[in-house]
N, C-alpha and C. Protein backbone atom coordinates (compact mmCIF):
# COMPACT_ATOMS: atom_id res chain seq x y z
N MET A 1 -32.45 21.02 18.29
CA MET A 1 -32.23 19.61 18.09
C MET A 1 -31.01 19.35 17.21
N TYR A 2 -30.91 20.08 16.10
CA TYR A 2 -29.79 19.87 15.19
C TYR A 2 -28.46 20.33 15.78
N LYS A 3 -28.51 21.39 16.57
CA LYS A 3 -27.29 21.86 17.23
C LYS A 3 -26.75 20.79 18.17
N TYR A 4 -27.64 20.19 18.93
CA TYR A 4 -27.25 19.14 19.86
C TYR A 4 -26.67 17.95 19.11
N LEU A 5 -27.33 17.54 18.04
CA LEU A 5 -26.86 16.40 17.24
C LEU A 5 -25.49 16.70 16.63
N PHE A 6 -25.33 17.92 16.14
CA PHE A 6 -24.04 18.32 15.57
C PHE A 6 -22.93 18.25 16.61
N LYS A 7 -23.22 18.73 17.82
CA LYS A 7 -22.22 18.70 18.90
C LYS A 7 -21.86 17.27 19.27
N VAL A 8 -22.82 16.39 19.33
CA VAL A 8 -22.55 14.99 19.66
C VAL A 8 -21.68 14.34 18.58
N ILE A 9 -22.01 14.59 17.33
CA ILE A 9 -21.21 14.02 16.23
C ILE A 9 -19.80 14.58 16.25
N PHE A 10 -19.67 15.87 16.49
CA PHE A 10 -18.36 16.50 16.55
C PHE A 10 -17.51 15.90 17.67
N LEU A 11 -18.09 15.75 18.85
CA LEU A 11 -17.36 15.16 19.97
C LEU A 11 -16.98 13.71 19.69
N PHE A 12 -17.85 12.99 19.01
CA PHE A 12 -17.56 11.60 18.65
C PHE A 12 -16.30 11.52 17.79
N PHE A 13 -16.19 12.40 16.81
CA PHE A 13 -15.01 12.39 15.94
C PHE A 13 -13.75 12.83 16.67
N LEU A 14 -13.88 13.74 17.62
CA LEU A 14 -12.72 14.13 18.41
C LEU A 14 -12.18 12.97 19.24
N VAL A 15 -13.07 12.17 19.78
CA VAL A 15 -12.66 11.04 20.60
C VAL A 15 -12.12 9.91 19.74
N CYS A 16 -12.69 9.68 18.58
CA CYS A 16 -12.29 8.56 17.73
C CYS A 16 -10.98 8.78 17.00
N ASP A 17 -10.63 10.02 16.71
CA ASP A 17 -9.42 10.28 15.93
C ASP A 17 -8.15 9.74 16.57
N PRO A 18 -7.87 9.97 17.87
CA PRO A 18 -6.65 9.41 18.45
C PRO A 18 -6.65 7.88 18.45
N ILE A 19 -7.80 7.28 18.68
CA ILE A 19 -7.89 5.82 18.66
C ILE A 19 -7.57 5.31 17.27
N TYR A 20 -8.14 5.94 16.26
CA TYR A 20 -7.89 5.53 14.87
C TYR A 20 -6.41 5.71 14.53
N SER A 21 -5.81 6.81 14.99
CA SER A 21 -4.40 7.07 14.72
C SER A 21 -3.51 6.00 15.35
N GLN A 22 -3.80 5.60 16.58
CA GLN A 22 -3.01 4.56 17.22
C GLN A 22 -3.15 3.24 16.49
N THR A 23 -4.36 2.92 16.05
CA THR A 23 -4.57 1.68 15.30
C THR A 23 -3.76 1.69 14.02
N ASN A 24 -3.77 2.80 13.30
CA ASN A 24 -2.97 2.92 12.08
C ASN A 24 -1.49 2.79 12.37
N LEU A 25 -1.05 3.36 13.45
CA LEU A 25 0.35 3.30 13.83
C LEU A 25 0.77 1.86 14.10
N LEU A 26 -0.02 1.13 14.85
CA LEU A 26 0.31 -0.25 15.17
C LEU A 26 0.22 -1.14 13.92
N GLU A 27 -0.72 -0.86 13.05
CA GLU A 27 -0.82 -1.61 11.80
C GLU A 27 0.40 -1.35 10.91
N SER A 28 0.92 -0.13 10.95
CA SER A 28 2.10 0.18 10.13
C SER A 28 3.32 -0.61 10.59
N VAL A 29 3.38 -0.94 11.89
CA VAL A 29 4.48 -1.76 12.40
C VAL A 29 4.35 -3.18 11.84
N LYS A 30 3.14 -3.69 11.81
CA LYS A 30 2.93 -5.03 11.26
C LYS A 30 3.29 -5.10 9.79
N LYS A 31 2.90 -4.06 9.04
CA LYS A 31 3.11 -4.07 7.59
C LYS A 31 4.54 -3.73 7.19
N ASN A 32 5.26 -3.03 8.04
CA ASN A 32 6.62 -2.62 7.73
C ASN A 32 7.53 -2.93 8.91
N PRO A 33 7.87 -4.20 9.08
CA PRO A 33 8.68 -4.57 10.25
C PRO A 33 10.10 -4.02 10.22
N LYS A 34 10.56 -3.55 9.07
CA LYS A 34 11.92 -3.01 8.99
C LYS A 34 12.13 -1.87 9.98
N ASN A 35 11.17 -0.94 10.05
CA ASN A 35 11.29 0.17 10.99
C ASN A 35 11.30 -0.32 12.43
N ALA A 36 10.45 -1.30 12.71
CA ALA A 36 10.38 -1.84 14.07
C ALA A 36 11.69 -2.53 14.46
N ILE A 37 12.28 -3.24 13.52
CA ILE A 37 13.54 -3.94 13.79
C ILE A 37 14.67 -2.93 14.02
N GLU A 38 14.64 -1.81 13.29
CA GLU A 38 15.62 -0.75 13.52
C GLU A 38 15.47 -0.16 14.92
N ILE A 39 14.23 0.06 15.33
CA ILE A 39 13.98 0.58 16.67
C ILE A 39 14.43 -0.43 17.71
N CYS A 40 14.18 -1.71 17.44
CA CYS A 40 14.59 -2.77 18.35
C CYS A 40 16.12 -2.79 18.50
N SER A 41 16.82 -2.59 17.40
CA SER A 41 18.28 -2.53 17.46
C SER A 41 18.75 -1.38 18.34
N LYS A 42 18.06 -0.25 18.26
CA LYS A 42 18.40 0.89 19.10
C LYS A 42 18.15 0.56 20.57
N PHE A 43 17.05 -0.15 20.85
CA PHE A 43 16.77 -0.56 22.22
C PHE A 43 17.89 -1.46 22.75
N LYS A 44 18.34 -2.39 21.93
CA LYS A 44 19.41 -3.29 22.35
C LYS A 44 20.70 -2.51 22.60
N GLU A 45 20.97 -1.52 21.76
CA GLU A 45 22.15 -0.67 21.96
C GLU A 45 22.04 0.09 23.28
N LEU A 46 20.86 0.65 23.55
CA LEU A 46 20.66 1.37 24.81
C LEU A 46 20.78 0.42 26.00
N ASN A 47 20.24 -0.80 25.86
CA ASN A 47 20.34 -1.79 26.94
C ASN A 47 21.78 -2.12 27.25
N SER A 48 22.63 -2.18 26.22
CA SER A 48 24.04 -2.50 26.44
C SER A 48 24.74 -1.42 27.26
N LYS A 49 24.15 -0.21 27.26
CA LYS A 49 24.68 0.90 28.06
C LYS A 49 23.96 1.03 29.39
N GLY A 50 23.06 0.09 29.67
CA GLY A 50 22.31 0.12 30.92
C GLY A 50 21.09 1.02 30.90
N ILE A 51 20.66 1.42 29.72
CA ILE A 51 19.50 2.31 29.58
C ILE A 51 18.29 1.50 29.16
N SER A 52 17.20 1.69 29.86
CA SER A 52 15.96 0.95 29.60
C SER A 52 15.30 1.40 28.30
N ALA A 53 14.58 0.48 27.67
CA ALA A 53 13.81 0.80 26.47
C ALA A 53 12.61 1.68 26.81
N ASN A 54 12.30 1.81 28.09
CA ASN A 54 11.21 2.68 28.52
C ASN A 54 11.70 4.04 29.01
N SER A 55 12.97 4.29 28.87
CA SER A 55 13.52 5.57 29.33
C SER A 55 13.07 6.71 28.42
N ASP A 56 13.22 7.92 28.91
CA ASP A 56 12.87 9.10 28.11
C ASP A 56 13.70 9.16 26.83
N LEU A 57 14.96 8.78 26.92
CA LEU A 57 15.84 8.78 25.75
C LEU A 57 15.32 7.84 24.67
N ALA A 58 14.92 6.64 25.06
CA ALA A 58 14.41 5.66 24.10
C ALA A 58 13.09 6.12 23.50
N ILE A 59 12.21 6.66 24.32
CA ILE A 59 10.91 7.13 23.85
C ILE A 59 11.09 8.30 22.88
N THR A 60 12.01 9.19 23.18
CA THR A 60 12.30 10.31 22.28
C THR A 60 12.83 9.80 20.95
N HIS A 61 13.69 8.79 20.98
CA HIS A 61 14.21 8.21 19.74
C HIS A 61 13.07 7.64 18.90
N VAL A 62 12.17 6.91 19.52
CA VAL A 62 11.04 6.33 18.79
C VAL A 62 10.16 7.43 18.21
N SER A 63 9.93 8.45 18.99
CA SER A 63 9.10 9.57 18.54
C SER A 63 9.66 10.21 17.28
N LYS A 64 10.96 10.40 17.24
CA LYS A 64 11.59 11.06 16.10
C LYS A 64 11.86 10.11 14.94
N LYS A 65 11.98 8.83 15.22
CA LYS A 65 12.30 7.84 14.19
C LYS A 65 11.14 7.61 13.24
N TRP A 66 9.94 7.69 13.78
CA TRP A 66 8.77 7.39 12.95
C TRP A 66 8.57 8.48 11.93
N LYS A 67 7.77 8.21 10.90
CA LYS A 67 7.58 9.14 9.77
C LYS A 67 7.17 10.54 10.21
N THR A 68 6.23 10.61 11.11
CA THR A 68 5.85 11.90 11.69
C THR A 68 6.18 11.84 13.17
N GLU A 69 6.60 12.94 13.71
CA GLU A 69 6.98 12.93 15.12
C GLU A 69 5.76 12.60 15.98
N LEU A 70 5.90 11.63 16.83
CA LEU A 70 4.81 11.15 17.66
C LEU A 70 4.78 11.86 19.00
N SER A 71 3.64 11.87 19.61
CA SER A 71 3.55 12.38 20.98
C SER A 71 4.27 11.37 21.88
N PRO A 72 4.72 11.79 23.05
CA PRO A 72 5.40 10.84 23.96
C PRO A 72 4.52 9.63 24.30
N LEU A 73 3.23 9.86 24.47
CA LEU A 73 2.33 8.75 24.80
C LEU A 73 2.25 7.75 23.65
N ASN A 74 2.07 8.23 22.42
CA ASN A 74 2.02 7.33 21.27
C ASN A 74 3.35 6.63 21.04
N ALA A 75 4.44 7.34 21.28
CA ALA A 75 5.76 6.73 21.14
C ALA A 75 5.95 5.62 22.16
N GLU A 76 5.46 5.82 23.38
CA GLU A 76 5.57 4.79 24.40
C GLU A 76 4.71 3.58 24.05
N ILE A 77 3.51 3.81 23.56
CA ILE A 77 2.64 2.71 23.13
C ILE A 77 3.31 1.95 21.99
N LEU A 78 3.87 2.67 21.04
CA LEU A 78 4.56 2.04 19.92
C LEU A 78 5.76 1.23 20.40
N SER A 79 6.50 1.77 21.35
CA SER A 79 7.66 1.06 21.90
C SER A 79 7.26 -0.28 22.51
N ILE A 80 6.21 -0.26 23.30
CA ILE A 80 5.74 -1.49 23.94
C ILE A 80 5.32 -2.50 22.88
N TYR A 81 4.66 -2.03 21.86
CA TYR A 81 4.21 -2.89 20.77
C TYR A 81 5.40 -3.49 20.03
N VAL A 82 6.40 -2.66 19.72
CA VAL A 82 7.60 -3.13 19.02
C VAL A 82 8.34 -4.16 19.86
N ILE A 83 8.48 -3.89 21.15
CA ILE A 83 9.16 -4.83 22.04
C ILE A 83 8.42 -6.16 22.05
N GLY A 84 7.11 -6.10 22.14
CA GLY A 84 6.31 -7.33 22.17
C GLY A 84 6.42 -8.15 20.89
N LEU A 85 6.51 -7.48 19.76
CA LEU A 85 6.57 -8.19 18.48
C LEU A 85 7.97 -8.60 18.05
N HIS A 86 8.95 -7.76 18.30
CA HIS A 86 10.26 -7.95 17.68
C HIS A 86 11.44 -8.12 18.63
N CYS A 87 11.31 -7.66 19.86
CA CYS A 87 12.48 -7.76 20.74
C CYS A 87 12.07 -7.97 22.19
N PRO A 88 11.55 -9.12 22.49
CA PRO A 88 11.07 -9.37 23.85
C PRO A 88 12.17 -9.45 24.91
N LYS A 89 13.43 -9.54 24.51
CA LYS A 89 14.52 -9.70 25.48
C LYS A 89 15.11 -8.38 25.96
N VAL A 90 14.61 -7.25 25.44
CA VAL A 90 15.12 -5.97 25.93
C VAL A 90 14.41 -5.60 27.21
N PHE A 91 15.05 -4.73 27.98
CA PHE A 91 14.42 -4.29 29.24
C PHE A 91 14.17 -2.81 29.21
């Protein structure tokens, strides 16, 4: 019984950790818009060269720009969030 309960609790924490991390990441954008505005400026620069804010180059920039290097998926989620909050006119 206890082994089963332990496994369920362990799996619960494995599933919740990425969700909690994404929530913290998005909250950090709200609390520190300076980083988001810098990323937005980079998106505008890339757009002026015809490069989309959803391109691999832009996602890699976001991944490396943040305090800890993000996974490509988290960087893409963060990019969409930043665009929605700070730079809706980029493509």
